[in-house]
């Protein structure tokens, strides 16, 4: 239940991004977006299952995951902002 609540609460910013993208993409573009999304979700699930079922990586992620996740997500977010010219650079 907690995961669903966080996912729902986190969705507001997604609406602001996806509505303009999908309204201009057309059927063909939306089909490509949907296919890529589904493939990447499946790849993420398979990677998560793989690493979670390996004792060494599962133990390391349980111990250091709360540190590693921000170290991965913050640079990705900054890259997206910079590449999208969000800072007016």
N, C-alpha and C. Protein backbone atom coordinates (compact mmCIF):
# COMPACT_ATOMS: atom_id res chain seq x y z
N UNK A 1 0.82 -1.20 0.00
CA UNK A 1 0.00 0.00 0.00
C UNK A 1 0.86 1.25 0.00
N UNK A 2 1.98 1.22 0.73
CA UNK A 2 2.85 2.38 0.79
C UNK A 2 3.44 2.72 -0.58
N UNK A 3 3.79 1.70 -1.35
CA UNK A 3 4.35 1.93 -2.68
C UNK A 3 3.31 2.60 -3.57
N UNK A 4 2.08 2.16 -3.50
CA UNK A 4 1.02 2.77 -4.30
C UNK A 4 0.80 4.22 -3.90
N UNK A 5 0.86 4.52 -2.62
CA UNK A 5 0.66 5.89 -2.15
C UNK A 5 1.78 6.81 -2.64
N UNK A 6 3.02 6.33 -2.55
CA UNK A 6 4.15 7.13 -3.02
C UNK A 6 4.08 7.32 -4.53
N UNK A 7 3.73 6.28 -5.25
CA UNK A 7 3.61 6.38 -6.70
C UNK A 7 2.53 7.39 -7.08
N UNK A 8 1.41 7.35 -6.41
CA UNK A 8 0.32 8.29 -6.69
C UNK A 8 0.74 9.72 -6.36
N UNK A 9 1.38 9.91 -5.21
CA UNK A 9 1.81 11.25 -4.80
C UNK A 9 2.88 11.80 -5.72
N UNK A 10 3.69 10.95 -6.28
CA UNK A 10 4.79 11.37 -7.14
C UNK A 10 4.32 11.65 -8.57
N UNK A 11 3.10 11.36 -8.90
CA UNK A 11 2.64 11.45 -10.28
C UNK A 11 2.29 12.83 -10.78
N UNK A 12 2.18 13.82 -9.91
CA UNK A 12 1.78 15.15 -10.34
C UNK A 12 2.74 15.78 -11.34
N UNK A 13 4.02 15.67 -11.10
CA UNK A 13 4.99 16.24 -12.03
C UNK A 13 4.99 15.49 -13.35
N UNK A 14 4.68 14.22 -13.31
CA UNK A 14 4.63 13.43 -14.54
C UNK A 14 3.51 13.91 -15.45
N UNK A 15 2.39 14.30 -14.87
CA UNK A 15 1.26 14.79 -15.68
C UNK A 15 1.68 16.05 -16.44
N UNK A 16 2.41 16.92 -15.77
CA UNK A 16 2.87 18.15 -16.40
C UNK A 16 3.81 17.92 -17.56
N UNK A 17 4.51 16.81 -17.56
CA UNK A 17 5.44 16.48 -18.64
C UNK A 17 4.75 15.68 -19.73
N UNK A 18 3.99 14.67 -19.34
CA UNK A 18 3.45 13.74 -20.32
C UNK A 18 2.29 14.28 -21.14
N UNK A 19 1.46 15.13 -20.57
CA UNK A 19 0.32 15.66 -21.33
C UNK A 19 0.79 16.42 -22.57
N UNK A 20 1.74 17.37 -22.44
CA UNK A 20 2.19 18.05 -23.67
C UNK A 20 2.89 17.12 -24.66
N UNK A 21 3.66 16.19 -24.15
CA UNK A 21 4.38 15.27 -25.04
C UNK A 21 3.39 14.40 -25.81
N UNK A 22 2.44 13.81 -25.10
CA UNK A 22 1.50 12.91 -25.78
C UNK A 22 0.51 13.67 -26.65
N UNK A 23 0.21 14.91 -26.31
CA UNK A 23 -0.75 15.66 -27.14
C UNK A 23 -0.15 16.05 -28.48
N UNK A 24 1.16 16.10 -28.57
CA UNK A 24 1.81 16.47 -29.84
C UNK A 24 2.42 15.27 -30.56
N UNK A 25 2.45 14.11 -29.92
CA UNK A 25 3.16 12.96 -30.50
C UNK A 25 2.37 12.25 -31.60
N UNK A 26 1.08 12.22 -31.51
CA UNK A 26 0.29 11.46 -32.48
C UNK A 26 0.29 9.99 -32.12
N UNK A 27 -0.50 9.23 -32.86
CA UNK A 27 -0.65 7.79 -32.58
C UNK A 27 0.66 7.04 -32.75
N UNK A 28 1.37 7.31 -33.82
CA UNK A 28 2.63 6.60 -34.08
C UNK A 28 3.67 6.90 -33.00
N UNK A 29 3.80 8.16 -32.65
CA UNK A 29 4.75 8.54 -31.60
C UNK A 29 4.38 7.94 -30.26
N UNK A 30 3.09 7.96 -29.91
CA UNK A 30 2.66 7.38 -28.64
C UNK A 30 2.89 5.88 -28.62
N UNK A 31 2.72 5.24 -29.75
CA UNK A 31 2.98 3.80 -29.81
C UNK A 31 4.45 3.50 -29.55
N UNK A 32 5.32 4.31 -30.11
CA UNK A 32 6.75 4.13 -29.88
C UNK A 32 7.08 4.39 -28.41
N UNK A 33 6.55 5.48 -27.84
CA UNK A 33 6.78 5.78 -26.43
C UNK A 33 6.31 4.63 -25.54
N UNK A 34 5.12 4.11 -25.82
CA UNK A 34 4.57 3.02 -25.01
C UNK A 34 5.42 1.77 -25.12
N UNK A 35 5.86 1.44 -26.33
CA UNK A 35 6.68 0.24 -26.53
C UNK A 35 8.02 0.38 -25.80
N UNK A 36 8.65 1.53 -25.93
CA UNK A 36 9.93 1.74 -25.25
C UNK A 36 9.74 1.68 -23.75
N UNK A 37 8.69 2.30 -23.24
CA UNK A 37 8.40 2.28 -21.81
C UNK A 37 8.23 0.85 -21.31
N UNK A 38 7.42 0.06 -22.02
CA UNK A 38 7.17 -1.32 -21.58
C UNK A 38 8.44 -2.17 -21.62
N UNK A 39 9.25 -1.99 -22.64
CA UNK A 39 10.51 -2.74 -22.73
C UNK A 39 11.44 -2.36 -21.58
N UNK A 40 11.54 -1.06 -21.29
CA UNK A 40 12.44 -0.63 -20.21
C UNK A 40 11.92 -1.02 -18.83
N UNK A 41 10.60 -1.02 -18.64
CA UNK A 41 10.05 -1.49 -17.36
C UNK A 41 10.37 -2.97 -17.17
N UNK A 42 10.19 -3.75 -18.23
CA UNK A 42 10.50 -5.18 -18.15
C UNK A 42 11.99 -5.39 -17.87
N UNK A 43 12.85 -4.61 -18.53
CA UNK A 43 14.29 -4.74 -18.28
C UNK A 43 14.63 -4.36 -16.85
N UNK A 44 14.00 -3.32 -16.33
CA UNK A 44 14.24 -2.92 -14.94
C UNK A 44 13.78 -3.98 -13.95
N UNK A 45 12.63 -4.58 -14.22
CA UNK A 45 12.13 -5.64 -13.34
C UNK A 45 13.04 -6.86 -13.37
N UNK A 46 13.48 -7.23 -14.56
CA UNK A 46 14.39 -8.38 -14.67
C UNK A 46 15.73 -8.11 -14.00
N UNK A 47 16.26 -6.90 -14.16
CA UNK A 47 17.52 -6.55 -13.51
C UNK A 47 17.35 -6.55 -11.99
N UNK A 48 16.24 -6.01 -11.51
CA UNK A 48 15.98 -6.01 -10.07
C UNK A 48 15.87 -7.41 -9.51
N UNK A 49 15.17 -8.26 -10.23
CA UNK A 49 15.04 -9.66 -9.78
C UNK A 49 16.41 -10.34 -9.78
N UNK A 50 17.19 -10.10 -10.82
CA UNK A 50 18.52 -10.71 -10.91
C UNK A 50 19.39 -10.30 -9.73
N UNK A 51 19.47 -9.01 -9.47
CA UNK A 51 20.35 -8.55 -8.39
C UNK A 51 19.81 -8.90 -7.01
N UNK A 52 18.49 -8.93 -6.86
CA UNK A 52 17.90 -9.25 -5.56
C UNK A 52 18.05 -10.73 -5.21
N UNK A 53 18.22 -11.58 -6.22
CA UNK A 53 18.35 -13.01 -5.94
C UNK A 53 19.81 -13.46 -5.83
N UNK A 54 20.74 -12.56 -6.02
CA UNK A 54 22.16 -12.86 -5.83
C UNK A 54 22.56 -12.43 -4.44
N UNK A 55 23.00 -13.37 -3.59
CA UNK A 55 23.25 -13.05 -2.18
C UNK A 55 24.25 -11.90 -1.98
N UNK A 56 25.30 -11.87 -2.75
CA UNK A 56 26.32 -10.83 -2.56
C UNK A 56 25.75 -9.45 -2.90
N UNK A 57 25.12 -9.33 -4.06
CA UNK A 57 24.58 -8.03 -4.44
C UNK A 57 23.39 -7.65 -3.57
N UNK A 58 22.56 -8.60 -3.18
CA UNK A 58 21.42 -8.30 -2.32
C UNK A 58 21.89 -7.77 -0.97
N UNK A 59 22.92 -8.37 -0.43
CA UNK A 59 23.45 -7.91 0.86
C UNK A 59 24.05 -6.51 0.73
N UNK A 60 24.79 -6.28 -0.35
CA UNK A 60 25.39 -4.96 -0.56
C UNK A 60 24.31 -3.89 -0.77
N UNK A 61 23.28 -4.21 -1.55
CA UNK A 61 22.22 -3.24 -1.78
C UNK A 61 21.42 -2.96 -0.51
N UNK A 62 21.22 -3.99 0.31
CA UNK A 62 20.50 -3.78 1.57
C UNK A 62 21.30 -2.86 2.49
N UNK A 63 22.60 -2.98 2.44
CA UNK A 63 23.44 -2.18 3.32
C UNK A 63 23.70 -0.78 2.78
N UNK A 64 23.94 -0.66 1.48
CA UNK A 64 24.38 0.61 0.89
C UNK A 64 23.38 1.23 -0.08
N UNK A 65 22.25 0.60 -0.29
CA UNK A 65 21.29 1.10 -1.28
C UNK A 65 20.81 2.51 -0.99
N UNK A 66 20.59 2.84 0.29
CA UNK A 66 20.12 4.17 0.64
C UNK A 66 21.14 5.25 0.35
N UNK A 67 22.40 4.87 0.21
CA UNK A 67 23.46 5.82 -0.15
C UNK A 67 23.65 5.85 -1.66
N UNK A 68 23.63 4.68 -2.28
CA UNK A 68 23.88 4.60 -3.72
C UNK A 68 22.77 5.20 -4.57
N UNK A 69 21.53 5.03 -4.15
CA UNK A 69 20.41 5.51 -4.97
C UNK A 69 20.48 7.02 -5.22
N UNK A 70 20.67 7.86 -4.21
CA UNK A 70 20.81 9.30 -4.51
C UNK A 70 22.04 9.61 -5.34
N UNK A 71 23.12 8.86 -5.16
CA UNK A 71 24.32 9.11 -5.95
C UNK A 71 24.13 8.77 -7.42
N UNK A 72 23.16 7.95 -7.72
CA UNK A 72 22.84 7.62 -9.11
C UNK A 72 21.77 8.56 -9.65
N UNK A 73 20.70 8.79 -8.88
CA UNK A 73 19.57 9.56 -9.38
C UNK A 73 19.85 11.06 -9.51
N UNK A 74 20.63 11.63 -8.60
CA UNK A 74 20.90 13.06 -8.68
C UNK A 74 21.67 13.42 -9.94
N UNK A 75 22.77 12.71 -10.28
CA UNK A 75 23.43 13.05 -11.55
C UNK A 75 22.55 12.83 -12.78
N UNK A 76 21.71 11.80 -12.76
CA UNK A 76 20.80 11.58 -13.88
C UNK A 76 19.83 12.76 -14.00
N UNK A 77 19.28 13.20 -12.88
CA UNK A 77 18.37 14.35 -12.90
C UNK A 77 19.06 15.61 -13.39
N UNK A 78 20.28 15.85 -12.92
CA UNK A 78 21.04 17.02 -13.39
C UNK A 78 21.32 16.94 -14.89
N UNK A 79 21.67 15.77 -15.37
CA UNK A 79 21.91 15.60 -16.80
C UNK A 79 20.66 15.91 -17.61
N UNK A 80 19.51 15.43 -17.14
CA UNK A 80 18.25 15.70 -17.83
C UNK A 80 17.97 17.21 -17.84
N UNK A 81 18.18 17.87 -16.71
CA UNK A 81 17.95 19.30 -16.66
C UNK A 81 18.89 20.08 -17.56
N UNK A 82 20.15 19.70 -17.57
CA UNK A 82 21.14 20.40 -18.39
C UNK A 82 20.88 20.16 -19.88
N UNK A 83 20.65 18.90 -20.25
CA UNK A 83 20.38 18.58 -21.65
C UNK A 83 19.08 19.20 -22.15
N UNK A 84 18.13 19.38 -21.26
CA UNK A 84 16.86 19.98 -21.65
C UNK A 84 16.88 21.49 -21.58
N UNK A 85 18.02 22.07 -21.32
CA UNK A 85 18.20 23.53 -21.22
C UNK A 85 17.29 24.15 -20.16
N UNK A 86 17.11 23.45 -19.06
CA UNK A 86 16.24 23.95 -18.00
C UNK A 86 16.86 25.13 -17.28
N UNK A 87 18.17 25.28 -17.34
CA UNK A 87 18.84 26.37 -16.66
C UNK A 87 19.09 27.56 -17.58
N UNK A 88 18.62 27.48 -18.81
CA UNK A 88 18.83 28.56 -19.76
C UNK A 88 20.29 28.70 -20.18
N UNK A 89 21.00 27.57 -20.21
CA UNK A 89 22.41 27.62 -20.57
C UNK A 89 22.61 27.66 -22.06
